[in-house]
C-alpha cells in the first residue's frame, strides 16, 4: 500500500512536458474535462481535448461512429448547434474538439485524425480520460464505463492512458465552474494533474514510455472538499478486486418488476493478477483516499491457471473433434 500527498505535489525540474490527448464520456463541454484541460496546461503540457459531442456515459468500449451531422437537440449543454458537422472545434480555442461518437470511437478519432494535425510527427505521450462524473470502481464498472472504455482502447492502441473518476457525480457545464479552487471540478482536475506530474517525474519521454505496453491506470477519487469530512485524500495503491460489486436482480414484491441490487460476489473478487497486499479500490475510495489501480488489457488467464485446464481438456478433446 502506498499513501502520499506531498510527494505528488512537488515535482523535480526533470518533470516532462507531455503531449496529452484528453477525452471523457461526459462530453467535451463538461466542467470536469475543461478544468482538467486548464490544470494540465498550467503544468506546461501540450494538451489536445477531443471529447464526445453529447453525454456518452455507460457505453464502455462500444465503438460507434457518426453517420450524420449533429442532430437535435444539439451538443451537450447547447454547446453545438443542430446541423453542425459531426466533429469540430471551439471557435475561441482550436485545441478543444468534439466528435459525435462513443468514447472509444472518440479517442480513436483523436488518435488517428486530430492528433496528427495538432502534434505533427510527435507521438501522443499520454491519454487522460475524465475525470468522470462519479466513481467507476471494480471490474464490473471497468467494462461498463465509457471513461474507462476510452482508456483501455488507447492502451490497446499502444498509448499509455489513465482513467480518472471523481466521487462528485453532478453533471454540469464548464460554464458553471466558479473559478474557485474548491469548485469540485477544479479539485478533481488538480488530483489528475498531480498524478500525471508524478507519473512523468524524471521520465524522458523521447527515450522511454510512461507505462509499459498493455498497461493503464484507473483512478477513483472520493468526494472531498467543502461540505465533506474529507479535505485532502492521499493516493493509495489498490487493485480492482476486493470489495467490488456486480449486479444482482430481484423482483419488486409490489410491482413484480426486476430491480438491480449490488452484490459483492466471489467471481468478481477473485484475486488472480493484482497485488494481493493492496486493498480493493471500492472500499478504499469510499473513504478519504484516492484509489490508484494498475490494469492490463491482456485478458488471458495466467499460465499457472491456464495450463492445468488445458491438460484436463486435452484428455477429452483432440484437434479433429474441435469445432
Protein backbone atom coordinates (compact mmCIF):
# COMPACT_ATOMS: atom_id res chain seq x y z
CA UNK A 1 0.00 0.00 0.00
CA UNK A 2 1.24 3.48 -0.84
CA UNK A 3 -0.10 6.70 0.58
CA UNK A 4 1.30 10.12 -0.11
CA UNK A 5 0.22 13.64 -0.81
CA UNK A 6 3.29 15.84 -0.62
CA UNK A 7 5.36 13.67 -2.95
CA UNK A 8 2.87 14.27 -5.73
CA UNK A 9 2.53 17.97 -5.13
CA UNK A 10 6.24 18.58 -5.57
CA UNK A 11 7.97 17.74 -8.80
CA UNK A 12 11.63 17.96 -9.70
CA UNK A 13 12.98 20.00 -12.56
CA UNK A 14 13.01 16.83 -14.65
CA UNK A 15 9.23 16.62 -14.94
CA UNK A 16 8.37 16.00 -18.56
CA UNK A 17 6.19 18.31 -20.64
CA UNK A 18 3.90 15.80 -22.32
CA UNK A 19 1.80 15.60 -25.45
CA UNK A 20 -1.55 14.71 -23.90
CA UNK A 21 -4.79 13.68 -25.57
CA UNK A 22 -7.63 14.47 -23.13
CA UNK A 23 -11.05 12.82 -23.50
CA UNK A 24 -14.02 11.60 -21.43
CA UNK A 25 -17.56 10.24 -21.68
CA UNK A 26 -19.49 13.15 -20.13
CA UNK A 27 -18.98 15.38 -23.20
CA UNK A 28 -16.46 17.92 -24.30
CA UNK A 29 -18.45 20.66 -22.53
CA UNK A 30 -18.43 19.16 -19.03
CA UNK A 31 -16.97 21.09 -16.12
CA UNK A 32 -14.53 18.33 -15.15
CA UNK A 33 -12.80 17.92 -18.51
CA UNK A 34 -12.43 21.66 -19.10
CA UNK A 35 -10.98 22.17 -15.60
CA UNK A 36 -8.55 19.30 -16.21
CA UNK A 37 -7.54 20.81 -19.55
CA UNK A 38 -6.64 24.04 -17.73
CA UNK A 39 -4.78 22.24 -14.93
CA UNK A 40 -2.68 20.18 -17.35
CA UNK A 41 -1.93 23.23 -19.49
CA UNK A 42 -0.84 25.11 -16.38
CA UNK A 43 1.73 22.37 -15.77
CA UNK A 44 3.25 23.04 -19.19
CA UNK A 45 1.80 20.11 -21.13
CA UNK A 46 0.63 20.36 -24.73
CA UNK A 47 -2.99 19.28 -24.33
CA UNK A 48 -5.44 18.37 -27.08
CA UNK A 49 -9.03 17.86 -25.92
CA UNK A 50 -11.25 15.59 -28.04
CA UNK A 51 -14.48 14.69 -26.25
CA UNK A 52 -17.89 13.33 -27.22
CA UNK A 53 -20.38 15.87 -28.52
CA UNK A 54 -23.00 14.64 -26.05
CA UNK A 55 -23.17 12.66 -22.81
CA UNK A 56 -21.98 9.10 -23.50
CA UNK A 57 -21.84 7.56 -20.03
CA UNK A 58 -22.19 3.79 -19.68
CA UNK A 59 -21.06 2.99 -23.22
CA UNK A 60 -17.97 1.04 -22.11
CA UNK A 61 -15.75 0.18 -25.05
CA UNK A 62 -18.53 0.21 -27.67
CA UNK A 63 -17.32 1.66 -30.95
CA UNK A 64 -20.00 3.72 -32.73
CA UNK A 65 -19.13 6.25 -35.42
CA UNK A 66 -21.42 9.11 -36.50
CA UNK A 67 -23.50 8.67 -39.66
CA UNK A 68 -24.91 12.21 -39.77
CA UNK A 69 -24.08 15.71 -38.66
CA UNK A 70 -25.24 16.92 -35.25
CA UNK A 71 -28.95 16.24 -34.78
CA UNK A 72 -31.48 17.67 -32.30
CA UNK A 73 -31.16 18.70 -29.54
CA UNK A 74 -27.56 19.57 -30.45
CA UNK A 75 -24.38 19.31 -28.41
CA UNK A 76 -24.35 18.85 -24.63
CA UNK A 77 -25.42 21.97 -22.71
CA UNK A 78 -26.18 23.70 -26.01
CA UNK A 79 -22.50 23.66 -26.92
CA UNK A 80 -23.03 22.69 -30.59
CA UNK A 81 -25.87 23.84 -32.87
CA UNK A 82 -28.11 21.37 -34.67
CA UNK A 83 -26.77 20.67 -38.15
CA UNK A 84 -23.15 21.35 -37.26
CA UNK A 85 -20.53 18.90 -38.65
CA UNK A 86 -20.04 15.60 -36.83
CA UNK A 87 -16.76 16.98 -35.49
CA UNK A 88 -15.37 20.42 -34.97
CA UNK A 89 -13.55 22.67 -32.54
CA UNK A 90 -14.30 25.56 -30.26
CA UNK A 91 -14.39 28.88 -32.06
CA UNK A 92 -12.15 30.54 -29.47
CA UNK A 93 -9.79 27.66 -28.69
CA UNK A 94 -8.79 25.36 -31.59
CA UNK A 95 -7.38 22.82 -29.11
CA UNK A 96 -10.89 21.88 -27.91
CA UNK A 97 -12.60 19.38 -30.23
CA UNK A 98 -15.88 17.48 -30.17
CA UNK A 99 -16.70 14.25 -32.01
CA UNK A 100 -20.18 12.75 -32.25
CA UNK A 101 -19.26 9.17 -31.32
CA UNK A 102 -18.94 6.89 -28.34
CA UNK A 103 -15.96 7.42 -26.01
CA UNK A 104 -13.93 4.58 -27.57
CA UNK A 105 -14.62 5.92 -31.06
CA UNK A 106 -13.87 9.46 -29.90
CA UNK A 107 -10.44 8.63 -28.53
CA UNK A 108 -9.56 6.74 -31.72
CA UNK A 109 -10.73 9.70 -33.81
CA UNK A 110 -8.48 11.86 -31.68
CA UNK A 111 -5.54 9.48 -32.14
CA UNK A 112 -5.89 8.95 -35.89
CA UNK A 113 -7.40 12.17 -37.25
CA UNK A 114 -6.97 15.13 -34.90
CA UNK A 115 -3.68 14.44 -33.12
CA UNK A 116 -1.54 14.28 -36.29
CA UNK A 117 -2.68 17.80 -37.20
CA UNK A 118 -2.00 19.07 -33.69
CA UNK A 119 1.18 17.25 -32.64
CA UNK A 120 2.59 16.74 -36.13
CA UNK A 121 5.06 13.86 -36.24
CA UNK A 122 5.42 13.86 -32.45
CA UNK A 123 3.71 10.96 -30.65
CA UNK A 124 0.98 11.17 -28.03
CA UNK A 125 2.72 10.54 -24.71
CA UNK A 126 -0.39 10.03 -22.63
CA UNK A 127 -4.16 9.78 -22.92
CA UNK A 128 -6.10 11.15 -19.95
CA UNK A 129 -9.77 10.23 -19.73
CA UNK A 130 -12.13 12.09 -17.40
CA UNK A 131 -12.47 12.94 -14.63
CA UNK A 132 -15.76 11.08 -14.83
CA UNK A 133 -18.79 12.43 -13.00
CA UNK A 134 -18.98 9.59 -10.49
CA UNK A 135 -16.69 6.75 -9.46
CA UNK A 136 -16.01 3.64 -11.56
CA UNK A 137 -14.85 1.04 -9.05
CA UNK A 138 -14.24 -2.64 -9.69
CA UNK A 139 -14.12 -4.93 -12.74
CA UNK A 140 -17.88 -4.68 -13.42
CA UNK A 141 -17.82 -0.92 -13.95
CA UNK A 142 -14.46 -1.27 -15.70
CA UNK A 143 -16.36 -2.93 -18.54
CA UNK A 144 -19.34 -0.53 -18.47
CA UNK A 145 -17.70 2.86 -18.05
CA UNK A 146 -17.20 4.99 -21.14
CA UNK A 147 -14.42 6.83 -19.32
CA UNK A 148 -12.52 3.58 -18.82
CA UNK A 149 -13.59 2.29 -22.25
CA UNK A 150 -11.74 5.19 -23.88
CA UNK A 151 -8.77 4.45 -21.64
CA UNK A 152 -8.36 0.76 -22.42
CA UNK A 153 -8.96 1.50 -26.10
CA UNK A 154 -6.00 3.89 -26.03
CA UNK A 155 -3.91 1.30 -24.17
CA UNK A 156 -4.82 -1.27 -26.83
CA UNK A 157 -3.54 1.18 -29.44
CA UNK A 158 -0.21 1.26 -27.60
CA UNK A 159 -0.58 4.61 -25.82
CA UNK A 160 -0.19 4.96 -22.03
CA UNK A 161 -3.52 6.03 -20.55
CA UNK A 162 -5.15 6.96 -17.25
CA UNK A 163 -8.86 6.99 -16.37
CA UNK A 164 -9.95 9.38 -13.62
CA UNK A 165 -13.34 9.03 -11.95
CA UNK A 166 -14.48 11.57 -9.35
CA UNK A 167 -16.85 10.98 -6.46
CA UNK A 168 -18.85 14.11 -7.24
CA UNK A 169 -21.39 12.93 -9.83
CA UNK A 170 -23.04 16.24 -10.72
CA UNK A 171 -23.40 16.59 -14.49
CA UNK A 172 -22.67 20.24 -15.22
CA UNK A 173 -21.38 22.55 -17.91
CA UNK A 174 -17.95 24.12 -17.81
CA UNK A 175 -19.74 27.48 -17.79
CA UNK A 176 -20.88 26.77 -14.20
CA UNK A 177 -17.33 26.49 -12.84
CA UNK A 178 -16.99 29.10 -10.11
CA UNK A 179 -13.27 29.54 -10.76
CA UNK A 180 -12.63 28.93 -7.07
CA UNK A 181 -10.03 26.37 -6.05
CA UNK A 182 -12.65 24.45 -4.07
CA UNK A 183 -15.02 24.02 -7.02
CA UNK A 184 -15.49 20.21 -7.34
CA UNK A 185 -14.34 20.28 -10.97
CA UNK A 186 -11.13 22.10 -10.02
CA UNK A 187 -10.50 19.75 -7.10
CA UNK A 188 -10.76 16.72 -9.38
CA UNK A 189 -8.64 18.42 -12.04
CA UNK A 190 -5.86 19.07 -9.55
CA UNK A 191 -5.85 15.42 -8.48
CA UNK A 192 -5.47 14.42 -12.13
CA UNK A 193 -2.68 16.94 -12.73
CA UNK A 194 -0.84 15.79 -9.60
CA UNK A 195 -0.86 12.15 -10.65
CA UNK A 196 0.26 12.98 -14.19
CA UNK A 197 3.06 15.02 -12.63
CA UNK A 198 4.14 12.06 -10.51
CA UNK A 199 3.99 9.64 -13.43
CA UNK A 200 6.16 11.85 -15.63
CA UNK A 201 8.69 12.79 -12.96
CA UNK A 202 12.25 12.22 -14.23
CA UNK A 203 10.94 10.46 -17.36
CA UNK A 204 12.43 11.44 -20.71
CA UNK A 205 9.52 10.52 -22.98
CA UNK A 206 11.76 10.70 -26.04
CA UNK A 207 13.64 7.69 -24.67
CA UNK A 208 11.15 5.74 -22.54
CA UNK A 209 7.43 5.18 -22.14
CA UNK A 210 5.37 6.39 -19.19
CA UNK A 211 3.83 2.92 -18.88
CA UNK A 212 4.63 -0.48 -20.43
CA UNK A 213 2.66 -1.67 -23.44
CA UNK A 214 -0.74 -3.06 -22.47
CA UNK A 215 -0.84 -1.27 -19.11
CA UNK A 216 -3.06 1.58 -17.91
CA UNK A 217 -4.22 3.21 -14.69
CA UNK A 218 -7.70 3.71 -13.30
CA UNK A 219 -8.02 6.27 -10.52
CA UNK A 220 -11.09 6.71 -8.29
CA UNK A 221 -11.31 9.99 -6.39
CA UNK A 222 -13.51 10.26 -3.29
CA UNK A 223 -15.95 13.10 -2.73
CA UNK A 224 -13.95 15.75 -0.91
CA UNK A 225 -13.75 19.45 -0.28
CA UNK A 226 -16.37 21.86 1.07
CA UNK A 227 -19.24 20.14 2.85
CA UNK A 228 -17.26 16.93 3.26
CA UNK A 229 -15.28 15.46 6.12
CA UNK A 230 -12.58 14.65 3.55
CA UNK A 231 -10.31 17.53 2.61
CA UNK A 232 -7.05 16.09 1.26
CA UNK A 233 -7.34 12.44 0.21
CA UNK A 234 -3.97 10.68 -0.18
CA UNK A 235 -3.20 8.44 -3.14
CA UNK A 236 -3.34 4.73 -2.29
CA UNK A 237 -2.29 1.81 -4.49
CA UNK A 238 -5.23 -0.55 -4.91
CA UNK A 239 -6.49 -3.44 -7.02
CA UNK A 240 -9.77 -3.62 -8.94
CA UNK A 241 -10.85 -6.69 -6.97
CA UNK A 242 -11.58 -6.72 -3.23
CA UNK A 243 -14.98 -5.48 -2.09
CA UNK A 244 -16.02 -5.00 -5.73
CA UNK A 245 -19.68 -5.25 -6.66
CA UNK A 246 -21.65 -6.71 -9.53
CA UNK A 247 -25.38 -6.51 -10.26
CA UNK A 248 -27.93 -8.93 -8.87
CA UNK A 249 -31.57 -8.94 -9.98
CA UNK A 250 -34.52 -9.35 -7.64
CA UNK A 251 -38.23 -8.86 -8.27
CA UNK A 252 -40.02 -5.97 -6.61
CA UNK A 253 -42.67 -7.54 -4.35
CA UNK A 254 -45.15 -4.78 -5.19
CA UNK A 255 -44.71 -4.22 -8.94
CA UNK A 256 -43.21 -7.57 -9.88
CA UNK A 257 -40.64 -5.72 -11.98
CA UNK A 258 -36.91 -6.55 -11.92
CA UNK A 259 -34.70 -4.45 -9.66
CA UNK A 260 -30.88 -4.29 -9.78
CA UNK A 261 -29.01 -4.61 -6.49
CA UNK A 262 -25.33 -4.53 -5.59
CA UNK A 263 -23.74 -7.89 -4.86
CA UNK A 264 -20.21 -8.49 -3.56
CA UNK A 265 -19.68 -11.74 -5.48
CA UNK A 266 -16.79 -14.20 -5.27
CA UNK A 267 -16.16 -14.31 -9.01
CA UNK A 268 -15.60 -10.59 -9.45
CA UNK A 269 -13.35 -10.51 -6.38
CA UNK A 270 -11.07 -13.42 -7.27
CA UNK A 271 -7.57 -12.01 -6.83
CA UNK A 272 -5.83 -13.58 -9.83
CA UNK A 273 -3.43 -10.91 -11.03
CA UNK A 274 -3.49 -8.00 -8.60
CA UNK A 275 -1.02 -7.30 -5.81
CA UNK A 276 -2.60 -9.32 -3.01
CA UNK A 277 -1.42 -6.93 -0.30
CA UNK A 278 -3.18 -3.96 -1.92
CA UNK A 279 -6.71 -3.11 -0.74
CA UNK A 280 -9.66 -3.08 -3.12
CA UNK A 281 -10.40 0.22 -4.82
CA UNK A 282 -14.12 0.08 -3.96
CA UNK A 283 -13.78 0.27 -0.16
CA UNK A 284 -10.70 2.49 -0.44
CA UNK A 285 -12.34 5.27 -2.45
CA UNK A 286 -15.40 5.07 -0.19
CA UNK A 287 -13.13 6.52 2.49
CA UNK A 288 -10.98 9.64 2.26
CA UNK A 289 -8.45 8.07 -0.12
CA UNK A 290 -7.86 8.23 -3.87
CA UNK A 291 -7.55 4.71 -5.26
CA UNK A 292 -4.88 4.12 -7.92
CA UNK A 293 -5.20 0.74 -9.67
CA UNK A 294 -2.95 -0.60 -12.42
CA UNK A 295 -4.68 -2.72 -15.08
CA UNK A 296 -3.63 -4.77 -18.11
CA UNK A 297 -5.53 -5.34 -21.34
CA UNK A 298 -4.09 -8.86 -21.58
CA UNK A 299 -7.18 -10.84 -20.57
CA UNK A 300 -5.55 -14.25 -20.89
CA UNK A 301 -5.53 -16.31 -17.71
CA UNK A 302 -2.05 -16.67 -16.16
CA UNK A 303 -0.11 -19.71 -17.34
CA UNK A 304 -0.22 -21.39 -13.93
CA UNK A 305 -4.03 -21.40 -14.16
CA UNK A 306 -4.45 -21.94 -17.90
CA UNK A 307 -2.06 -24.90 -18.33
CA UNK A 308 -3.81 -27.28 -15.86
CA UNK A 309 -7.16 -26.52 -17.52
CA UNK A 310 -5.65 -27.18 -20.95
CA UNK A 311 -4.26 -30.50 -19.71
CA UNK A 312 -7.65 -31.55 -18.34
CA UNK A 313 -9.42 -30.61 -21.57
CA UNK A 314 -6.75 -32.27 -23.72
CA UNK A 315 -7.67 -35.64 -22.24
CA UNK A 316 -11.16 -35.41 -23.70
CA UNK A 317 -10.77 -33.49 -26.95
CA UNK A 318 -8.47 -33.68 -29.92
CA UNK A 319 -7.85 -31.35 -32.82
CA UNK A 320 -10.12 -33.29 -35.17
CA UNK A 321 -13.02 -33.04 -32.70
CA UNK A 322 -12.82 -29.32 -32.18
CA UNK A 323 -15.50 -27.27 -33.95
